[in-house]
Amino acid sequence: MTTRPEPILIPLNGAFWLHLAITLFAWVGPFLIDWWLMCAIYAIVLLQFAVLNKCVVNAGHDLEEGEGITFYAFLFESIGIYFPRKPLKWVVRGPLYLILGILTWYLQVYLGYKPVVHLDWF
């Protein structure tokens, strides 16, 4: 049986709440705004991971960029769900936002879902 890693400790300051709001928006955004805008947002997130190799919001609430440390790991572990941190970090920093973008496009273009704020530019 493997032991659980040391807990991730971060202050619950304004940057934490901003990060939580951004993370939640990544999941509910496809129902709120157009696919092309959500895909642009996902691309910006992926670009920060590719260029900076980190999440820029993590520094605001002292979340260290250690081995497998991510905001998602903190959130899951805070509610008692323990995923292996390194694979979780790979998913979050790799295919997650690409998959969310594809699902957003599929939901709105192929299935015809109209988001709450629909600009109809594309």
Protein backbone atom coordinates (compact mmCIF):
# COMPACT_ATOMS: atom_id res chain seq x y z
CA MET A 1 0.00 0.00 0.00
CA THR A 2 1.38 3.39 -0.95
CA THR A 3 1.48 6.26 1.49
CA ARG A 4 -0.23 9.54 0.82
CA PRO A 5 2.00 12.47 -0.07
CA GLU A 6 2.51 15.38 2.27
CA PRO A 7 -0.52 17.68 2.18
CA ILE A 8 -0.41 20.74 -0.03
CA LEU A 9 -0.76 23.81 2.16
CA ILE A 10 -1.76 27.13 0.65
CA PRO A 11 -3.37 30.25 2.09
CA LEU A 12 -7.00 30.87 1.20
CA ASN A 13 -6.33 34.43 0.04
CA GLY A 14 -7.75 36.44 -2.85
CA ALA A 15 -5.50 34.68 -5.39
CA PHE A 16 -6.84 31.32 -4.22
CA TRP A 17 -10.45 32.42 -4.75
CA LEU A 18 -9.55 33.89 -8.15
CA HIS A 19 -7.88 30.61 -9.12
CA LEU A 20 -10.92 28.66 -7.95
CA ALA A 21 -13.24 30.92 -9.98
CA ILE A 22 -11.05 30.55 -13.10
CA THR A 23 -10.96 26.77 -12.68
CA LEU A 24 -14.72 26.54 -12.22
CA PHE A 25 -15.25 28.81 -15.23
CA ALA A 26 -13.14 26.45 -17.36
CA TRP A 27 -15.74 23.76 -16.68
CA VAL A 28 -18.98 25.77 -16.86
CA GLY A 29 -17.84 28.27 -19.50
CA PRO A 30 -18.97 26.10 -22.44
CA PHE A 31 -22.55 26.57 -21.22
CA LEU A 32 -22.13 30.32 -20.74
CA ILE A 33 -20.20 31.75 -23.71
CA ASP A 34 -19.49 30.92 -27.36
CA TRP A 35 -17.21 28.06 -28.33
CA TRP A 36 -14.68 30.24 -30.14
CA LEU A 37 -14.16 32.44 -27.08
CA MET A 38 -13.83 29.43 -24.77
CA CYS A 39 -11.35 27.84 -27.17
CA ALA A 40 -9.31 31.06 -27.15
CA ILE A 41 -9.30 31.01 -23.34
CA TYR A 42 -8.21 27.36 -23.30
CA ALA A 43 -5.46 28.20 -25.82
CA ILE A 44 -4.15 30.96 -23.54
CA VAL A 45 -4.04 28.53 -20.61
CA LEU A 46 -2.18 25.95 -22.72
CA LEU A 47 0.17 28.66 -23.99
CA GLN A 48 1.17 29.64 -20.45
CA PHE A 49 1.96 26.00 -19.70
CA ALA A 50 3.98 25.61 -22.91
CA VAL A 51 5.91 28.87 -22.72
CA LEU A 52 6.30 29.44 -18.98
CA ASN A 53 6.03 25.80 -17.84
CA LYS A 54 3.87 26.93 -14.94
CA CYS A 55 0.52 28.37 -13.98
CA VAL A 56 0.93 32.09 -13.36
CA VAL A 57 -1.85 32.22 -10.76
CA ASN A 58 -0.11 29.65 -8.52
CA ALA A 59 2.43 32.23 -7.33
CA GLY A 60 -0.38 34.43 -5.99
CA HIS A 61 -1.33 31.90 -3.35
CA ASP A 62 2.10 30.36 -2.73
CA LEU A 63 1.46 27.08 -4.55
CA GLU A 64 4.93 25.80 -5.35
CA GLU A 65 5.63 24.29 -8.78
CA GLY A 66 6.99 21.07 -7.27
CA GLU A 67 6.79 17.46 -8.33
CA GLY A 68 3.24 16.98 -9.48
CA ILE A 69 1.90 19.93 -7.50
CA THR A 70 -1.12 21.54 -9.17
CA PHE A 71 -4.17 23.45 -8.08
CA TYR A 72 -6.25 20.45 -9.16
CA ALA A 73 -4.20 18.18 -6.85
CA PHE A 74 -4.83 20.60 -3.98
CA LEU A 75 -8.57 20.72 -4.68
CA PHE A 76 -8.95 16.95 -5.00
CA GLU A 77 -6.84 16.21 -1.93
CA SER A 78 -8.77 18.81 0.08
CA ILE A 79 -11.92 16.72 -0.38
CA GLY A 80 -10.19 13.40 0.23
CA ILE A 81 -9.57 12.28 -3.37
CA TYR A 82 -5.96 11.28 -3.98
CA PHE A 83 -4.83 10.92 -7.58
CA PRO A 84 -1.15 10.29 -8.31
CA ARG A 85 0.18 13.84 -8.59
CA LYS A 86 2.56 13.47 -11.55
CA PRO A 87 0.00 11.90 -13.92
CA LEU A 88 -2.61 14.44 -12.77
CA LYS A 89 -0.20 17.29 -13.53
CA TRP A 90 0.47 15.79 -16.98
CA VAL A 91 -3.27 15.64 -17.72
CA VAL A 92 -3.94 19.18 -16.43
CA ARG A 93 -0.98 20.67 -18.29
CA GLY A 94 -1.46 18.52 -21.39
CA PRO A 95 -4.68 17.22 -22.89
CA LEU A 96 -7.28 18.52 -20.40
CA TYR A 97 -7.89 21.96 -21.92
CA LEU A 98 -7.56 20.64 -25.45
CA ILE A 99 -10.27 18.07 -24.67
CA LEU A 100 -12.44 20.74 -23.05
CA GLY A 101 -12.07 22.88 -26.18
CA ILE A 102 -13.08 20.01 -28.45
CA LEU A 103 -16.07 19.16 -26.23
CA THR A 104 -17.10 22.83 -26.20
CA TRP A 105 -17.00 22.99 -29.99
CA TYR A 106 -18.90 19.69 -30.27
CA LEU A 107 -21.58 20.82 -27.80
CA GLN A 108 -22.21 24.15 -29.48
CA VAL A 109 -21.51 23.53 -33.17
CA TYR A 110 -22.42 19.90 -33.73
CA LEU A 111 -25.17 19.51 -31.11
CA GLY A 112 -26.45 23.08 -31.59
CA TYR A 113 -26.38 24.19 -27.96
CA LYS A 114 -26.67 27.98 -27.65
CA PRO A 115 -24.76 29.38 -24.66
CA VAL A 116 -26.22 32.02 -22.35
CA VAL A 117 -24.10 34.74 -24.00
CA HIS A 118 -24.21 34.03 -27.72
CA LEU A 119 -22.41 36.54 -29.96
CA ASP A 120 -22.82 34.69 -33.28
CA TRP A 121 -19.59 36.05 -34.75
CA PHE A 122 -18.43 32.71 -36.14
